[in-house]
Amino acid sequence: MFHLRRPRPQGHGRRRVFFHQIITSVLLLILLTGGLLSADRVMANGDGPQTGTFVRCEPTVAAAHPGQQIVMNLYVEDVTGLYGVEMDLSFDPAIAQVVDADPGTPGVQIQPLYDFLVPDFVVRRSANNTTGVIEYAATQIFPSQPVSGSGAVASVTFQSVSNGTFSMPFTEVLLVDIDGTPIAATVLPCAVQFQPSLPCYDFDNDGVVDLDDIVAVAVRWPLTITDPDPDNNPATPNYEPLYDLNSDGAITVIDIMMVSGRWQQSCS
């Protein structure tokens, strides 16, 4: 009897087998170490995509080459009766610095925008390039009327100072109506990337795409943009657009394969 021997993979074929072995190992590791892929992390209520008001950046992920600038808008989506906002964000000042929008004012300022919410009174609009904190608070004043719909309320310009990628989460968000009553909103994180090779999936900024970067995506499968933290625990991996490599609103095996496909890519 003749036995057909499967040919040993050569060149790119062997490389693809290696990637698939990595993916399999990562997924098995996740399943064996706490069940991060349990069904209750897919959707909080299982009823499909959430609706309502969202606070996010526009774009949610911004990328540019080192030495360039990136502009990100602070954006409110699908709101009704908005009259005032307060937003605090954090960023990595070792990778990017905020460009001062008003050199005539002490400190570093971001830019209020007037196309949606009219900032009749700006409480603060500061950026601290040492601590990596952005603070923005503004309100309309009578006779300005409440606004509804979607739009940007402020703009932040970043100048790269080194190669790297960072998430830019909102640490505090408050939307209020004309009576000062809070408006419920879902807050989505942002991400900024300054890399010479775009896209480059070096999430831990060690200069190369390796197993740590694959794991960073895999532990977020299958989280979604509409339910980024279903277990209400910020200490566990949550959905972030930084790891949604095809920008489809969900972390899937496709995203894991995209980063594994750039195994050992240099990002320095």
Protein backbone atom coordinates (compact mmCIF):
# COMPACT_ATOMS: atom_id res chain seq x y z
CA MET A 1 0.00 0.00 0.00
CA PHE A 2 1.26 3.42 -0.90
CA HIS A 3 1.03 6.26 1.63
CA LEU A 4 0.85 9.83 0.44
CA ARG A 5 3.28 11.98 2.37
CA ARG A 6 2.19 15.56 2.87
CA PRO A 7 4.93 17.83 1.54
CA ARG A 8 6.72 19.93 4.11
CA PRO A 9 5.67 23.57 3.78
CA GLN A 10 8.33 25.74 2.22
CA GLY A 11 8.88 29.50 2.28
CA HIS A 12 5.62 31.43 2.74
CA GLY A 13 3.71 28.18 3.28
CA ARG A 14 5.78 27.33 6.34
CA ARG A 15 5.35 30.89 7.58
CA ARG A 16 1.55 30.62 7.28
CA VAL A 17 1.57 27.35 9.23
CA PHE A 18 3.60 29.06 11.93
CA PHE A 19 1.08 31.91 12.14
CA HIS A 20 -1.81 29.46 12.43
CA GLN A 21 0.04 27.62 15.21
CA ILE A 22 0.47 30.90 17.07
CA ILE A 23 -3.21 31.79 16.71
CA THR A 24 -4.27 28.34 17.89
CA SER A 25 -1.97 28.53 20.90
CA VAL A 26 -3.20 32.00 21.86
CA LEU A 27 -6.86 31.03 21.63
CA LEU A 28 -6.28 27.86 23.67
CA LEU A 29 -4.47 29.94 26.28
CA ILE A 30 -7.44 32.30 26.54
CA LEU A 31 -9.91 29.46 26.89
CA LEU A 32 -7.82 27.81 29.60
CA THR A 33 -7.14 30.93 31.66
CA GLY A 34 -10.45 32.36 32.66
CA GLY A 35 -12.85 32.05 29.75
CA LEU A 36 -12.55 35.61 28.49
CA LEU A 37 -14.45 34.51 25.42
CA SER A 38 -17.64 33.65 27.33
CA ALA A 39 -20.95 34.54 25.75
CA ASP A 40 -21.77 37.25 28.29
CA ARG A 41 -18.93 39.33 26.84
CA VAL A 42 -20.40 39.40 23.35
CA MET A 43 -23.37 41.59 24.22
CA ALA A 44 -24.54 42.83 27.60
CA ASN A 45 -28.15 41.88 26.93
CA GLY A 46 -27.91 39.68 23.84
CA ASP A 47 -30.45 41.83 22.03
CA GLY A 48 -28.15 43.18 19.34
CA PRO A 49 -26.40 46.52 18.84
CA GLN A 50 -27.02 49.24 21.38
CA THR A 51 -28.51 52.58 20.43
CA GLY A 52 -28.45 55.97 22.09
CA THR A 53 -25.96 58.77 22.60
CA PHE A 54 -22.24 58.12 22.11
CA VAL A 55 -19.15 60.14 23.01
CA ARG A 56 -16.10 59.30 20.91
CA CYS A 57 -13.27 60.75 18.86
CA GLU A 58 -13.48 61.50 15.16
CA PRO A 59 -11.71 59.56 13.82
CA THR A 60 -11.70 56.87 16.49
CA VAL A 61 -8.25 55.75 15.35
CA ALA A 62 -5.88 58.33 13.85
CA ALA A 63 -2.58 57.38 12.23
CA ALA A 64 0.33 59.31 10.74
CA HIS A 65 4.03 59.01 10.11
CA PRO A 66 6.49 60.25 12.76
CA GLY A 67 7.07 63.98 12.54
CA GLN A 68 3.56 64.65 11.26
CA GLN A 69 0.55 66.04 13.10
CA ILE A 70 -2.77 64.37 13.83
CA VAL A 71 -6.07 66.18 14.45
CA MET A 72 -8.72 64.42 16.53
CA ASN A 73 -12.14 65.88 17.28
CA LEU A 74 -14.07 65.24 20.47
CA TYR A 75 -17.41 64.09 19.10
CA VAL A 76 -20.95 63.65 20.44
CA GLU A 77 -23.23 61.37 18.42
CA ASP A 78 -27.06 61.13 18.40
CA VAL A 79 -27.78 63.38 21.36
CA THR A 80 -31.01 65.20 22.16
CA GLY A 81 -31.18 68.56 23.95
CA LEU A 82 -27.47 69.05 24.62
CA TYR A 83 -26.50 72.30 26.38
CA GLY A 84 -23.14 71.66 28.05
CA VAL A 85 -20.26 69.19 28.04
CA GLU A 86 -17.37 68.15 30.24
CA MET A 87 -14.73 65.75 28.90
CA ASP A 88 -11.41 64.59 30.32
CA LEU A 89 -9.04 62.35 28.35
CA SER A 90 -5.60 60.85 28.86
CA PHE A 91 -2.81 60.44 26.30
CA ASP A 92 0.84 59.39 26.21
CA PRO A 93 3.03 62.52 26.25
CA ALA A 94 6.12 60.41 25.52
CA ILE A 95 4.72 59.67 22.06
CA ALA A 96 2.82 62.87 21.23
CA GLN A 97 2.40 66.40 22.53
CA VAL A 98 -0.69 68.58 22.15
CA VAL A 99 -0.11 71.59 19.91
CA ASP A 100 -1.17 74.82 21.62
CA ALA A 101 -4.26 76.22 19.87
CA ASP A 102 -3.96 79.60 21.63
CA PRO A 103 -0.37 80.71 22.27
CA GLY A 104 -1.64 83.98 23.75
CA THR A 105 -3.15 82.13 26.73
CA PRO A 106 -0.93 80.66 29.48
CA GLY A 107 -0.51 76.90 29.27
CA VAL A 108 -1.49 74.63 26.38
CA GLN A 109 -5.03 74.96 25.03
CA ILE A 110 -7.17 72.81 22.72
CA GLN A 111 -9.56 74.32 20.17
CA PRO A 112 -13.30 74.73 20.90
CA LEU A 113 -15.52 74.17 17.86
CA TYR A 114 -18.66 76.13 17.01
CA ASP A 115 -20.44 74.10 14.33
CA PHE A 116 -22.53 72.00 16.73
CA LEU A 117 -22.61 73.02 20.39
CA VAL A 118 -21.87 76.76 20.65
CA PRO A 119 -19.32 77.23 23.47
CA ASP A 120 -20.66 80.55 24.78
CA PHE A 121 -18.73 79.99 28.01
CA VAL A 122 -15.61 77.82 28.03
CA VAL A 123 -14.79 76.67 31.55
CA ARG A 124 -11.53 75.00 30.58
CA ARG A 125 -9.80 73.66 27.48
CA SER A 126 -6.38 72.69 28.77
CA ALA A 127 -3.85 70.03 27.83
CA ASN A 128 -0.97 69.02 30.07
CA ASN A 129 1.95 67.73 28.02
CA THR A 130 3.70 66.46 31.15
CA THR A 131 0.93 64.41 32.77
CA GLY A 132 -0.90 63.56 29.55
CA VAL A 133 -4.29 64.93 30.57
CA ILE A 134 -6.77 66.89 28.41
CA GLU A 135 -9.68 68.72 30.04
CA TYR A 136 -12.54 70.40 28.20
CA ALA A 137 -15.72 71.92 29.61
CA ALA A 138 -18.08 74.36 27.91
CA THR A 139 -21.70 75.40 27.95
CA GLN A 140 -24.13 77.43 25.93
CA ILE A 141 -25.77 80.52 27.45
CA PHE A 142 -29.26 81.91 26.85
CA PRO A 143 -30.51 82.74 24.24
CA SER A 144 -28.62 79.83 22.63
CA GLN A 145 -30.95 76.86 22.26
CA PRO A 146 -30.18 73.19 23.03
CA VAL A 147 -28.77 71.21 20.14
CA SER A 148 -29.67 67.73 18.91
CA GLY A 149 -27.98 65.38 16.48
CA SER A 150 -24.24 64.76 16.09
CA GLY A 151 -21.16 66.94 15.92
CA ALA A 152 -17.68 67.77 17.15
CA VAL A 153 -17.35 70.01 20.21
CA ALA A 154 -13.56 70.49 20.34
CA SER A 155 -10.41 69.66 18.41
CA VAL A 156 -7.03 68.35 19.59
CA THR A 157 -3.90 68.52 17.43
CA PHE A 158 -1.06 66.12 18.28
CA GLN A 159 2.57 66.47 17.22
CA SER A 160 4.57 63.24 17.36
CA VAL A 161 7.74 63.21 19.44
CA SER A 162 8.54 59.48 19.03
CA ASN A 163 7.30 56.39 17.26
CA GLY A 164 4.48 54.60 19.04
CA THR A 165 0.83 53.86 19.56
CA PHE A 166 -1.42 54.73 22.48
CA SER A 167 -5.04 54.49 23.52
CA MET A 168 -6.70 57.76 24.49
CA PRO A 169 -9.59 56.89 26.83
CA PHE A 170 -12.13 59.35 28.17
CA THR A 171 -11.60 59.41 31.95
CA GLU A 172 -14.58 61.70 32.64
CA VAL A 173 -17.62 62.57 30.52
CA LEU A 174 -20.65 64.64 31.44
CA LEU A 175 -23.34 65.80 29.01
CA VAL A 176 -26.16 68.00 30.35
CA ASP A 177 -29.37 69.52 29.07
CA ILE A 178 -30.54 73.12 29.59
CA ASP A 179 -31.67 72.31 33.15
CA GLY A 180 -28.34 70.77 34.08
CA THR A 181 -29.74 67.25 34.03
CA PRO A 182 -27.17 64.64 32.92
CA ILE A 183 -27.72 62.95 29.55
CA ALA A 184 -26.84 59.26 29.48
CA ALA A 185 -24.16 58.34 26.93
CA THR A 186 -21.94 55.44 25.95
CA VAL A 187 -18.27 56.43 25.91
CA LEU A 188 -15.92 54.89 23.34
CA PRO A 189 -12.11 55.04 23.53
CA CYS A 190 -9.80 56.57 20.95
CA ALA A 191 -6.36 55.64 19.65
CA VAL A 192 -3.39 57.45 18.09
CA GLN A 193 -0.55 55.89 16.11
CA PHE A 194 2.71 57.41 14.88
CA GLN A 195 4.61 54.71 12.99
CA PRO A 196 6.87 54.77 9.90
CA SER A 197 5.04 51.73 8.51
CA LEU A 198 1.26 52.04 8.39
CA PRO A 199 -0.40 49.99 9.62
CA CYS A 200 2.04 48.63 12.19
CA TYR A 201 0.59 46.50 14.96
CA ASP A 202 3.28 47.02 17.59
CA PHE A 203 0.84 47.73 20.41
CA ASP A 204 3.38 47.59 23.24
CA ASN A 205 5.81 49.87 21.37
CA ASP A 206 8.80 47.54 21.71
CA GLY A 207 9.74 48.01 18.05
CA VAL A 208 8.54 44.70 16.62
CA VAL A 209 5.27 42.78 16.12
CA ASP A 210 5.48 39.72 18.35
CA LEU A 211 3.41 37.35 20.48
CA ASP A 212 2.55 40.07 23.02
CA ASP A 213 0.87 42.07 20.25
CA ILE A 214 -1.12 39.07 19.04
CA VAL A 215 -2.28 38.34 22.58
CA ALA A 216 -3.32 41.98 23.03
CA VAL A 217 -5.87 41.50 20.24
CA ALA A 218 -6.84 37.91 21.06
CA VAL A 219 -7.85 38.64 24.67
CA ARG A 220 -10.41 41.16 23.35
CA TRP A 221 -12.21 38.67 21.10
CA PRO A 222 -15.27 38.98 20.67
CA LEU A 223 -15.85 42.40 22.23
CA THR A 224 -17.75 45.06 20.27
CA ILE A 225 -17.76 48.83 19.94
CA THR A 226 -21.36 49.04 21.20
CA ASP A 227 -20.56 47.02 24.33
CA PRO A 228 -16.90 47.73 25.09
CA ASP A 229 -16.94 46.69 28.77
CA PRO A 230 -19.73 44.11 29.29
CA ASP A 231 -18.41 42.96 32.67
CA ASN A 232 -18.17 46.57 33.93
CA ASN A 233 -14.58 45.96 34.98
CA PRO A 234 -12.06 48.43 33.53
CA ALA A 235 -9.22 46.19 34.77
CA THR A 236 -10.10 43.42 32.29
CA PRO A 237 -9.43 43.79 28.55
CA ASN A 238 -12.12 45.93 26.93
CA TYR A 239 -12.93 46.84 23.35
CA GLU A 240 -10.64 49.55 22.00
CA PRO A 241 -10.55 50.71 18.37
CA LEU A 242 -6.77 50.32 18.47
CA TYR A 243 -7.25 46.53 18.29
CA ASP A 244 -10.14 46.55 15.81
CA LEU A 245 -7.81 46.34 12.84
CA ASN A 246 -10.45 46.20 10.11
CA SER A 247 -12.64 48.82 11.85
CA ASP A 248 -15.81 46.72 11.68
CA GLY A 249 -16.84 47.43 15.27
CA ALA A 250 -15.90 44.02 16.67
CA ILE A 251 -12.75 42.15 17.65
CA THR A 252 -12.76 38.93 15.62
CA VAL A 253 -10.42 36.21 14.41
CA ILE A 254 -9.81 38.37 11.34
CA ASP A 255 -8.16 41.01 13.54
CA ILE A 256 -6.01 38.33 15.20
CA MET A 257 -4.92 37.02 11.82
CA MET A 258 -4.13 40.54 10.56
CA VAL A 259 -1.65 41.19 13.35
CA SER A 260 -0.16 37.68 13.15
CA GLY A 261 0.35 38.25 9.44
CA ARG A 262 2.87 40.98 10.32
CA TRP A 263 4.87 38.72 12.63
CA GLN A 264 8.37 40.12 13.31
CA GLN A 265 7.65 43.31 11.34
CA SER A 266 9.93 46.08 12.55
CA CYS A 267 8.14 49.28 13.56
CA SER A 268 11.15 51.30 14.64
